[in-house]
């Protein structure tokens, strides 16, 4: 089950459902006012596997909680915010190129322009394969991005 941070469009819950992913929003759970660390703890206790966020400093601010919950993933979504119909189309296109897949290893794969990049440290477990190529990268934890490079 995936959690959408307060900065992710709530309409994405339905889109993820269409893609076979059970998701809910932090706002729907009454967690909008929680700090990032508190949000991670609440999400883990409620059975969530990951949080999708636009907050580039989420992993840093939640580092203490992520140390405790090393199988929890933080997914940094960097698709530009746009009106919902356009955003949905771009999200689905990016997904068709590389679906977000939560895994159980402390590793990261993020590829942009065919370059493997280990992003900022966090204590999470995440795998994303961009451009259909998977090359594991050992990391302090894992953070992945659904990137704008996957434009339709």
Protein backbone atom coordinates (compact mmCIF):
# COMPACT_ATOMS: atom_id res chain seq x y z
CA UNK A 1 0.00 0.00 0.00
CA UNK A 2 1.37 3.41 -0.99
CA UNK A 3 0.92 6.76 0.74
CA UNK A 4 0.72 10.06 -1.11
CA UNK A 5 2.30 12.96 0.77
CA UNK A 6 0.25 16.15 1.16
CA UNK A 7 2.11 17.70 -1.79
CA UNK A 8 0.97 15.04 -4.31
CA UNK A 9 -2.31 15.49 -6.21
CA UNK A 10 -5.03 13.39 -4.55
CA UNK A 11 -6.34 12.33 -7.97
CA UNK A 12 -3.27 10.12 -8.27
CA UNK A 13 -4.93 7.60 -5.91
CA UNK A 14 -7.41 6.65 -8.66
CA UNK A 15 -4.68 6.51 -11.31
CA UNK A 16 -2.55 4.24 -9.14
CA UNK A 17 -5.61 2.07 -8.49
CA UNK A 18 -6.06 1.70 -12.26
CA UNK A 19 -2.42 0.55 -12.35
CA UNK A 20 -3.05 -2.05 -9.64
CA UNK A 21 -1.59 -0.12 -6.71
CA UNK A 22 -3.54 0.43 -3.50
CA UNK A 23 -2.91 4.00 -2.33
CA UNK A 24 -4.23 6.59 0.08
CA UNK A 25 -3.36 10.18 0.94
CA UNK A 26 -1.84 11.63 4.08
CA UNK A 27 -4.70 14.14 4.15
CA UNK A 28 -7.32 11.38 4.01
CA UNK A 29 -5.64 9.68 6.98
CA UNK A 30 -5.58 12.93 8.98
CA UNK A 31 -1.77 13.04 8.80
CA UNK A 32 -1.36 16.33 6.94
CA UNK A 33 0.12 18.12 9.98
CA UNK A 34 2.66 15.40 10.86
CA UNK A 35 6.37 16.00 10.43
CA UNK A 36 8.07 13.81 7.82
CA UNK A 37 9.49 11.52 10.51
CA UNK A 38 6.10 11.20 12.21
CA UNK A 39 4.52 10.53 8.82
CA UNK A 40 6.95 7.67 8.15
CA UNK A 41 6.21 6.11 11.55
CA UNK A 42 2.44 6.46 11.13
CA UNK A 43 2.60 5.06 7.59
CA UNK A 44 4.63 2.02 8.64
CA UNK A 45 2.27 1.31 11.55
CA UNK A 46 -0.69 1.52 9.15
CA UNK A 47 0.90 -0.96 6.73
CA UNK A 48 2.20 1.37 4.00
CA UNK A 49 5.26 0.32 1.98
CA UNK A 50 6.27 3.73 0.65
CA UNK A 51 5.44 7.40 0.40
CA UNK A 52 5.33 9.38 -2.84
CA UNK A 53 6.40 12.98 -2.30
CA UNK A 54 7.59 16.07 -4.14
CA UNK A 55 9.61 17.16 -1.08
CA UNK A 56 13.26 16.89 -2.10
CA UNK A 57 14.34 17.04 1.55
CA UNK A 58 11.86 14.43 2.80
CA UNK A 59 14.47 11.71 3.31
CA UNK A 60 16.82 14.08 5.09
CA UNK A 61 14.16 15.37 7.48
CA UNK A 62 12.83 11.85 8.14
CA UNK A 63 16.28 10.19 8.41
CA UNK A 64 15.86 9.12 12.04
CA UNK A 65 12.53 7.39 11.36
CA UNK A 66 13.84 5.85 8.14
CA UNK A 67 16.72 4.28 10.11
CA UNK A 68 14.11 2.48 12.19
CA UNK A 69 11.99 1.41 9.22
CA UNK A 70 14.56 0.35 6.64
CA UNK A 71 12.02 -1.44 4.45
CA UNK A 72 9.98 1.72 3.95
CA UNK A 73 10.53 3.51 0.62
CA UNK A 74 10.57 7.20 -0.20
CA UNK A 75 9.75 7.99 -3.83
CA UNK A 76 10.61 11.50 -4.98
CA UNK A 77 8.24 12.44 -7.80
CA UNK A 78 9.75 15.15 -9.99
CA UNK A 79 7.19 15.35 -12.77
CA UNK A 80 6.26 19.04 -13.03
CA UNK A 81 2.97 20.02 -11.43
CA UNK A 82 0.33 20.67 -14.07
CA UNK A 83 -3.43 20.61 -14.40
CA UNK A 84 -4.70 17.16 -13.54
CA UNK A 85 -5.51 15.77 -17.03
CA UNK A 86 -2.04 16.67 -18.33
CA UNK A 87 -0.31 15.44 -15.16
CA UNK A 88 -2.21 12.14 -15.29
CA UNK A 89 -1.16 11.64 -18.92
CA UNK A 90 2.50 12.36 -18.14
CA UNK A 91 2.44 10.14 -15.04
CA UNK A 92 0.93 7.24 -17.01
CA UNK A 93 3.49 7.74 -19.79
CA UNK A 94 6.37 7.74 -17.30
CA UNK A 95 4.87 4.62 -15.68
CA UNK A 96 4.66 2.87 -19.06
CA UNK A 97 8.38 3.44 -19.52
CA UNK A 98 9.30 2.45 -15.98
CA UNK A 99 6.80 1.37 -13.36
CA UNK A 100 7.63 2.12 -9.74
CA UNK A 101 8.46 -1.20 -8.05
CA UNK A 102 9.09 -1.38 -4.30
CA UNK A 103 11.71 -4.03 -3.48
CA UNK A 104 13.35 -5.41 -0.36
CA UNK A 105 17.01 -4.51 -0.83
CA UNK A 106 18.74 -1.36 0.37
CA UNK A 107 19.69 -0.32 -3.12
CA UNK A 108 18.71 2.22 -5.69
CA UNK A 109 18.47 2.42 -9.39
CA UNK A 110 17.65 5.75 -10.90
CA UNK A 111 18.58 6.33 -14.48
CA UNK A 112 18.29 9.62 -16.30
CA UNK A 113 19.74 9.91 -19.75
CA UNK A 114 21.13 6.37 -19.32
CA UNK A 115 23.33 7.40 -16.37
CA UNK A 116 23.01 5.54 -13.07
CA UNK A 117 22.79 7.99 -10.17
CA UNK A 118 22.79 7.32 -6.43
CA UNK A 119 20.66 10.10 -4.95
CA UNK A 120 20.70 11.73 -1.53
CA UNK A 121 20.91 9.36 1.44
CA UNK A 122 17.86 8.02 3.17
CA UNK A 123 17.00 4.80 4.92
CA UNK A 124 14.46 3.21 2.65
CA UNK A 125 14.18 0.40 0.20
CA UNK A 126 13.36 1.24 -3.35
CA UNK A 127 13.95 0.16 -6.90
CA UNK A 128 13.06 2.00 -10.04
CA UNK A 129 14.24 0.92 -13.45
CA UNK A 130 14.25 3.65 -16.06
CA UNK A 131 14.71 2.90 -19.75
CA UNK A 132 14.34 -0.87 -19.20
CA UNK A 133 17.84 -1.37 -17.83
CA UNK A 134 18.57 -2.43 -14.24
CA UNK A 135 21.98 -1.86 -12.66
CA UNK A 136 22.08 -2.08 -8.83
CA UNK A 137 23.86 0.70 -6.95
CA UNK A 138 24.75 0.25 -3.29
CA UNK A 139 23.62 3.22 -1.26
CA UNK A 140 23.13 4.54 2.29
CA UNK A 141 19.49 3.68 1.76
CA UNK A 142 17.40 4.31 -1.27
CA UNK A 143 15.51 7.09 -2.91
CA UNK A 144 14.07 6.97 -6.37
CA UNK A 145 12.56 9.48 -8.74
CA UNK A 146 9.84 9.31 -11.30
CA UNK A 147 11.42 11.85 -13.59
CA UNK A 148 10.34 14.39 -16.14
CA UNK A 149 12.67 12.81 -18.71
CA UNK A 150 9.87 10.36 -19.51
CA UNK A 151 7.83 12.85 -21.54
CA UNK A 152 5.21 11.64 -24.01
